[in-house]
Amino acid sequence: MKKIFLFLTVLSVCCAAASLSFALTIKLGVVTKPGSAQNIVADKFKEIVEVGSNGNIDVKIYHSKSIGTETEILQQIQLNTVQMGIITGGPFDTFDPVVRVINYPFLFKDHAQADAILDGPIGNEILKSLETAGFKGLCFSENGFRNLTNNKRPVKNPDDIKGLKIRVMASALHRAIWQTLGANPTPMPWPIYTELEQGVIDGQENPLWVMEVYKFYEVQKYMTLTHHVYSPHIDVASLAWWKTLDKVTQNFLQESMRKAALFQRKDNRSKNSKRLTLLKEKGFLVEENPDIDAFRMSVVNMKDNTLYQKPRVKKMLMKILAATQ
């Protein structure tokens, strides 16, 4: 039965692609540069869509902050001056606080658990919630598990973090996490290489691919594999624009983005082992076994933070915490 359903789904998408006989241009925004995780999704989506539509749909990718920060891209998507975006989860919390639940510290045990939940009913409910802010949530691609780097000292436990000036995204939740850990969180738009190089900030926290692609090994000395937050990218469209599309086109674009996201997740994870080796070779001093239990205990009361107190946010947090036990 499952095989029949899968066949019919594939057949439907193929028919959809074949029936697209009109011209459509999609502006897609990402804040990062080519080779970055967001861009890999965007490039694969462009390839799938343009081939599958026989060139009738043109995807124009605006990268490297060419149309603004992630928050500014989201604002443009709301206004339908940009139709789609591959955006880090953090900046969404000013648009829809429900998204904060997926950035809860030490939530997911591993990639498999993250996939099971975000690709399942809970993930779909979170994507649906984004409609309240004018977004059509399509699917989740991957930034990855975030790790801490800094230039001051090795970090083994939360006490080592105290006083470090750490760059964070424009996210109230990420600020709260690092304040709870004793750091001095400093919101700052991307990119941040110059600020790290000049010592404006002591460190930052991001997945391994960021340290490689943005060459942070040139301006940072210590890395700690904290894995404190699993950071997805949320792949979204303008809801106002989405509603103007016929069902055939919607299905085709939805499935194309899902395929691009799955491709990128697999690609990202397959490279992490070699990335870590490279970063060590480039000079990073890596703490691979920090006191994770101590870190967990430091943020154990985050669920009671005021950021999670709105009823629908609290309800979703309790649901996702129960699912990850």
Protein backbone atom coordinates (compact mmCIF):
# COMPACT_ATOMS: atom_id res chain seq x y z
CA MET A 1 0.00 0.00 0.00
CA LYS A 2 2.82 2.40 0.91
CA LYS A 3 4.56 1.65 -2.42
CA ILE A 4 1.35 2.40 -4.31
CA PHE A 5 0.92 5.69 -2.45
CA LEU A 6 4.54 6.66 -3.14
CA PHE A 7 4.12 5.82 -6.84
CA LEU A 8 0.96 7.92 -7.08
CA THR A 9 2.68 10.83 -5.30
CA VAL A 10 5.65 10.73 -7.69
CA LEU A 11 3.30 10.39 -10.67
CA SER A 12 1.27 13.38 -9.48
CA VAL A 13 4.37 15.57 -9.18
CA CYS A 14 5.66 14.49 -12.59
CA CYS A 15 2.28 15.31 -14.14
CA ALA A 16 2.31 18.63 -12.35
CA ALA A 17 5.71 19.51 -13.78
CA ALA A 18 4.62 18.54 -17.27
CA SER A 19 1.51 20.74 -17.06
CA LEU A 20 3.36 23.93 -16.14
CA SER A 21 3.07 25.87 -19.38
CA PHE A 22 3.23 29.42 -18.03
CA ALA A 23 6.20 31.59 -17.12
CA LEU A 24 6.90 32.23 -13.45
CA THR A 25 9.84 33.95 -11.75
CA ILE A 26 10.61 33.23 -8.11
CA LYS A 27 12.89 35.45 -6.04
CA LEU A 28 14.57 33.35 -3.35
CA GLY A 29 16.61 34.99 -0.58
CA VAL A 30 19.48 33.60 1.51
CA VAL A 31 21.85 35.57 3.68
CA THR A 32 24.90 33.33 3.22
CA LYS A 33 27.47 32.95 0.46
CA PRO A 34 27.73 30.16 -2.16
CA GLY A 35 28.78 26.84 -0.66
CA SER A 36 26.88 27.47 2.56
CA ALA A 37 24.13 25.15 3.80
CA GLN A 38 21.30 27.52 2.82
CA ASN A 39 22.76 27.99 -0.65
CA ILE A 40 23.02 24.24 -1.23
CA VAL A 41 19.28 23.96 -0.65
CA ALA A 42 18.57 26.97 -2.84
CA ASP A 43 20.77 25.72 -5.69
CA LYS A 44 19.25 22.23 -5.61
CA PHE A 45 15.72 23.69 -5.50
CA LYS A 46 16.51 25.90 -8.51
CA GLU A 47 17.87 22.90 -10.42
CA ILE A 48 14.88 20.67 -9.65
CA VAL A 49 12.30 23.36 -10.43
CA GLU A 50 13.82 24.65 -13.63
CA VAL A 51 14.40 21.17 -15.06
CA GLY A 52 11.05 19.84 -13.86
CA SER A 53 9.12 22.79 -15.31
CA ASN A 54 10.95 22.63 -18.65
CA GLY A 55 12.34 26.09 -17.96
CA ASN A 56 8.94 27.71 -17.42
CA ILE A 57 9.80 28.56 -13.82
CA ASP A 58 12.87 30.72 -13.26
CA VAL A 59 14.36 30.77 -9.74
CA LYS A 60 16.54 33.79 -9.03
CA ILE A 61 18.72 33.32 -5.93
CA TYR A 62 19.76 36.42 -3.99
CA HIS A 63 22.63 35.43 -1.72
CA SER A 64 25.39 36.93 0.44
CA LYS A 65 23.10 39.42 2.18
CA SER A 66 22.47 41.13 -1.19
CA ILE A 67 18.86 41.88 -0.20
CA GLY A 68 19.35 42.22 3.55
CA THR A 69 19.62 40.30 6.80
CA GLU A 70 17.51 37.23 7.49
CA THR A 71 14.98 39.37 9.37
CA GLU A 72 14.82 41.77 6.42
CA ILE A 73 14.38 38.88 3.97
CA LEU A 74 11.48 37.58 6.08
CA GLN A 75 9.88 41.03 6.03
CA GLN A 76 10.19 41.09 2.23
CA ILE A 77 8.63 37.63 2.02
CA GLN A 78 5.68 38.86 4.10
CA LEU A 79 5.25 41.70 1.57
CA ASN A 80 5.72 39.36 -1.43
CA THR A 81 8.58 41.45 -2.82
CA VAL A 82 10.57 38.25 -2.33
CA GLN A 83 8.69 34.99 -2.81
CA MET A 84 10.81 32.42 -0.93
CA GLY A 85 13.65 32.08 1.55
CA ILE A 86 15.91 29.55 3.28
CA ILE A 87 16.12 31.06 6.76
CA THR A 88 17.73 30.02 10.06
CA GLY A 89 15.16 29.09 12.72
CA GLY A 90 16.25 31.74 15.24
CA PRO A 91 15.06 34.93 13.48
CA PHE A 92 11.54 33.53 13.12
CA ASP A 93 10.82 33.90 16.83
CA THR A 94 10.04 37.61 16.43
CA PHE A 95 7.43 36.72 13.79
CA ASP A 96 5.94 33.58 15.35
CA PRO A 97 7.07 32.65 18.89
CA VAL A 98 5.99 29.03 18.38
CA VAL A 99 9.20 28.51 16.39
CA ARG A 100 11.18 28.96 19.64
CA VAL A 101 10.35 25.40 20.63
CA ILE A 102 12.65 23.89 17.99
CA ASN A 103 15.60 25.94 19.26
CA TYR A 104 15.13 24.78 22.85
CA PRO A 105 18.58 23.90 24.29
CA PHE A 106 19.64 20.24 24.21
CA LEU A 107 16.26 19.24 22.76
CA PHE A 108 17.22 16.63 20.16
CA LYS A 109 19.51 13.70 20.92
CA ASP A 110 20.67 13.21 17.34
CA HIS A 111 19.83 13.82 13.68
CA ALA A 112 17.48 10.83 13.51
CA GLN A 113 15.33 12.18 16.33
CA ALA A 114 15.30 15.67 14.82
CA ASP A 115 14.17 14.26 11.46
CA ALA A 116 11.47 12.07 13.00
CA ILE A 117 9.91 15.02 14.83
CA LEU A 118 10.39 17.83 12.33
CA ASP A 119 9.23 15.68 9.39
CA GLY A 120 6.26 14.43 11.42
CA PRO A 121 3.02 15.89 12.81
CA ILE A 122 4.76 18.25 15.26
CA GLY A 123 6.94 19.73 12.53
CA ASN A 124 3.92 20.12 10.27
CA GLU A 125 2.05 21.90 13.06
CA ILE A 126 4.94 24.34 13.48
CA LEU A 127 5.08 24.99 9.73
CA LYS A 128 1.31 25.57 9.70
CA SER A 129 1.65 28.03 12.59
CA LEU A 130 3.82 30.27 10.42
CA GLU A 131 0.74 31.20 8.40
CA THR A 132 -0.28 33.48 11.28
CA ALA A 133 2.74 35.63 10.34
CA GLY A 134 2.22 35.55 6.56
CA PHE A 135 4.52 32.64 5.69
CA LYS A 136 3.85 29.32 3.98
CA GLY A 137 6.09 26.83 5.77
CA LEU A 138 7.30 24.27 3.24
CA CYS A 139 9.79 22.07 5.09
CA PHE A 140 12.93 21.98 7.22
CA SER A 141 16.44 21.81 5.82
CA GLU A 142 19.49 21.86 8.06
CA ASN A 143 21.92 24.25 9.62
CA GLY A 144 23.07 21.62 12.11
CA PHE A 145 24.05 21.14 15.74
CA ARG A 146 25.62 24.35 17.03
CA ASN A 147 29.02 24.48 18.74
CA LEU A 148 30.88 27.20 20.61
CA THR A 149 34.13 28.85 19.52
CA ASN A 150 36.08 31.60 21.28
CA ASN A 151 39.49 33.27 21.47
CA LYS A 152 39.85 33.61 25.23
CA ARG A 153 40.15 30.15 26.79
CA PRO A 154 39.24 26.46 26.51
CA VAL A 155 35.65 25.75 27.52
CA LYS A 156 34.91 22.46 29.28
CA ASN A 157 31.93 23.40 31.49
CA PRO A 158 29.53 26.32 32.02
CA ASP A 159 31.88 28.07 34.47
CA ASP A 160 34.36 28.54 31.62
CA ILE A 161 31.77 30.52 29.64
CA LYS A 162 31.18 33.23 32.22
CA GLY A 163 31.83 36.71 30.85
CA LEU A 164 32.57 35.65 27.27
CA LYS A 165 31.14 38.06 24.69
CA ILE A 166 29.36 35.70 22.30
CA ARG A 167 27.70 36.73 19.06
CA VAL A 168 24.14 35.45 18.73
CA MET A 169 21.44 35.71 16.09
CA ALA A 170 18.63 38.24 16.29
CA SER A 171 16.69 35.90 18.55
CA ALA A 172 15.37 36.55 22.05
CA LEU A 173 15.68 32.85 22.81
CA HIS A 174 19.33 32.59 21.81
CA ARG A 175 20.12 35.63 23.94
CA ALA A 176 18.32 34.03 26.87
CA ILE A 177 20.21 30.73 26.50
CA TRP A 178 23.61 32.41 26.64
CA GLN A 179 22.61 34.74 29.45
CA THR A 180 21.55 31.68 31.44
CA LEU A 181 24.95 30.12 30.77
CA GLY A 182 26.69 33.24 32.08
CA ALA A 183 27.95 34.68 28.80
CA ASN A 184 27.46 38.19 27.46
CA PRO A 185 25.34 37.50 24.35
CA THR A 186 25.66 40.11 21.62
CA PRO A 187 23.12 40.09 18.76
CA MET A 188 24.88 40.81 15.49
CA PRO A 189 23.89 40.37 11.82
CA TRP A 190 25.77 38.04 9.50
CA PRO A 191 28.64 37.89 8.50
CA ILE A 192 30.86 38.32 11.56
CA TYR A 193 34.43 37.49 10.44
CA THR A 194 35.68 41.07 10.83
CA GLU A 195 34.18 41.41 14.31
CA LEU A 196 35.89 38.19 15.40
CA GLU A 197 39.18 39.27 13.83
CA GLN A 198 39.10 42.67 15.56
CA GLY A 199 38.07 41.28 18.94
CA VAL A 200 34.74 43.10 19.01
CA ILE A 201 33.33 39.76 20.17
CA ASP A 202 35.15 36.88 21.88
CA GLY A 203 33.38 34.09 20.09
CA GLN A 204 30.34 32.72 18.33
CA GLU A 205 28.27 29.54 18.06
CA ASN A 206 27.43 27.73 14.86
CA PRO A 207 27.53 24.32 13.14
CA LEU A 208 30.83 22.95 11.81
CA TRP A 209 30.16 23.91 8.19
CA VAL A 210 30.15 27.59 9.19
CA MET A 211 33.62 27.35 10.74
CA GLU A 212 34.89 25.76 7.52
CA VAL A 213 33.17 27.87 4.86
CA TYR A 214 33.77 31.17 6.66
CA LYS A 215 37.33 30.22 7.71
CA PHE A 216 36.83 30.95 11.39
CA TYR A 217 39.97 28.92 12.10
CA GLU A 218 41.84 32.06 11.01
CA VAL A 219 40.33 34.21 13.77
CA GLN A 220 39.30 31.76 16.52
CA LYS A 221 41.39 29.40 18.64
CA TYR A 222 39.13 27.25 20.83
CA MET A 223 36.14 25.12 19.88
CA THR A 224 33.85 23.16 22.17
CA LEU A 225 31.49 20.52 20.75
CA THR A 226 28.56 21.61 22.87
CA HIS A 227 25.81 20.63 20.39
CA HIS A 228 23.66 22.92 22.54
CA VAL A 229 20.99 23.61 19.91
CA TYR A 230 19.93 21.72 16.79
CA SER A 231 19.43 24.50 14.28
CA PRO A 232 17.17 23.82 11.31
CA HIS A 233 16.59 26.11 8.39
CA ILE A 234 12.94 26.78 7.69
CA ASP A 235 12.17 26.88 3.99
CA VAL A 236 9.29 29.28 3.46
CA ALA A 237 7.26 31.11 0.85
CA SER A 238 5.16 34.25 0.94
CA LEU A 239 1.67 33.11 1.95
CA ALA A 240 0.09 35.93 -0.08
CA TRP A 241 2.02 34.79 -3.17
CA TRP A 242 1.39 31.09 -2.49
CA LYS A 243 -2.36 31.63 -2.52
CA THR A 244 -2.16 33.03 -6.07
CA LEU A 245 -0.74 29.74 -7.38
CA ASP A 246 -2.88 26.89 -8.63
CA LYS A 247 -2.79 23.60 -6.75
CA VAL A 248 -0.67 21.87 -9.39
CA THR A 249 2.07 24.50 -9.08
CA GLN A 250 1.88 24.48 -5.29
CA ASN A 251 2.34 20.71 -5.17
CA PHE A 252 5.23 20.85 -7.60
CA LEU A 253 7.07 23.57 -5.65
CA GLN A 254 6.37 21.91 -2.29
CA GLU A 255 7.76 18.57 -3.46
CA SER A 256 10.74 20.24 -5.15
CA MET A 257 11.70 22.02 -1.92
CA ARG A 258 11.29 18.80 0.08
CA LYS A 259 13.65 16.98 -2.29
CA ALA A 260 16.18 19.84 -2.07
CA ALA A 261 16.01 19.80 1.74
CA LEU A 262 16.52 16.04 1.96
CA PHE A 263 19.47 16.28 -0.43
CA GLN A 264 21.08 19.04 1.63
CA ARG A 265 20.61 17.30 4.99
CA LYS A 266 22.32 14.17 3.71
CA ASP A 267 25.11 16.19 2.09
CA ASN A 268 25.70 18.25 5.24
CA ARG A 269 25.92 15.28 7.59
CA SER A 270 28.18 13.27 5.31
CA LYS A 271 30.85 15.99 5.54
CA ASN A 272 30.96 16.62 9.30
CA SER A 273 33.66 14.10 10.17
CA LYS A 274 36.06 15.47 7.54
CA ARG A 275 35.19 19.03 8.58
CA LEU A 276 36.20 18.38 12.16
CA THR A 277 39.50 16.85 11.02
CA LEU A 278 40.16 19.84 8.75
CA LEU A 279 39.37 22.36 11.49
CA LYS A 280 41.84 20.66 13.82
CA GLU A 281 44.48 20.66 11.10
CA LYS A 282 43.87 24.38 10.57
CA GLY A 283 44.65 25.07 14.21
CA PHE A 284 41.44 24.81 16.23
CA LEU A 285 41.98 23.36 19.71
CA VAL A 286 38.86 21.23 20.07
CA GLU A 287 37.21 20.09 23.30
CA GLU A 288 35.35 17.01 22.10
CA ASN A 289 34.03 15.87 25.49
CA PRO A 290 32.69 18.85 27.43
CA ASP A 291 30.62 18.33 30.58
CA ILE A 292 27.29 18.15 28.76
CA ASP A 293 25.40 17.16 31.91
CA ALA A 294 26.56 20.38 33.57
CA PHE A 295 25.47 22.39 30.55
CA ARG A 296 22.06 20.70 30.57
CA MET A 297 21.60 21.42 34.26
CA SER A 298 22.46 25.08 33.69
CA VAL A 299 19.50 25.50 31.33
CA VAL A 300 17.10 22.99 32.88
CA ASN A 301 14.64 25.75 33.86
CA MET A 302 14.47 27.33 30.40
CA LYS A 303 10.98 25.89 29.94
CA ASP A 304 9.79 28.33 32.60
CA ASN A 305 11.29 31.33 30.80
CA THR A 306 8.81 34.05 29.90
CA LEU A 307 9.59 33.44 26.22
CA TYR A 308 7.59 30.20 26.48
CA GLN A 309 4.65 31.43 28.54
CA LYS A 310 2.13 32.27 25.80
CA PRO A 311 -0.44 29.45 25.88
CA ARG A 312 0.06 28.16 22.33
CA VAL A 313 3.85 28.35 22.68
CA LYS A 314 3.79 26.56 26.04
CA LYS A 315 1.49 23.88 24.64
CA MET A 316 3.80 23.24 21.70
CA LEU A 317 6.87 23.18 23.95
CA MET A 318 5.31 20.57 26.23
CA LYS A 319 4.38 18.51 23.19
CA ILE A 320 7.87 18.55 21.70
CA LEU A 321 9.58 17.95 25.06
CA ALA A 322 7.37 14.89 25.59
CA ALA A 323 8.20 13.61 22.10
CA THR A 324 11.95 13.85 22.71
CA GLN A 325 12.02 12.00 26.04
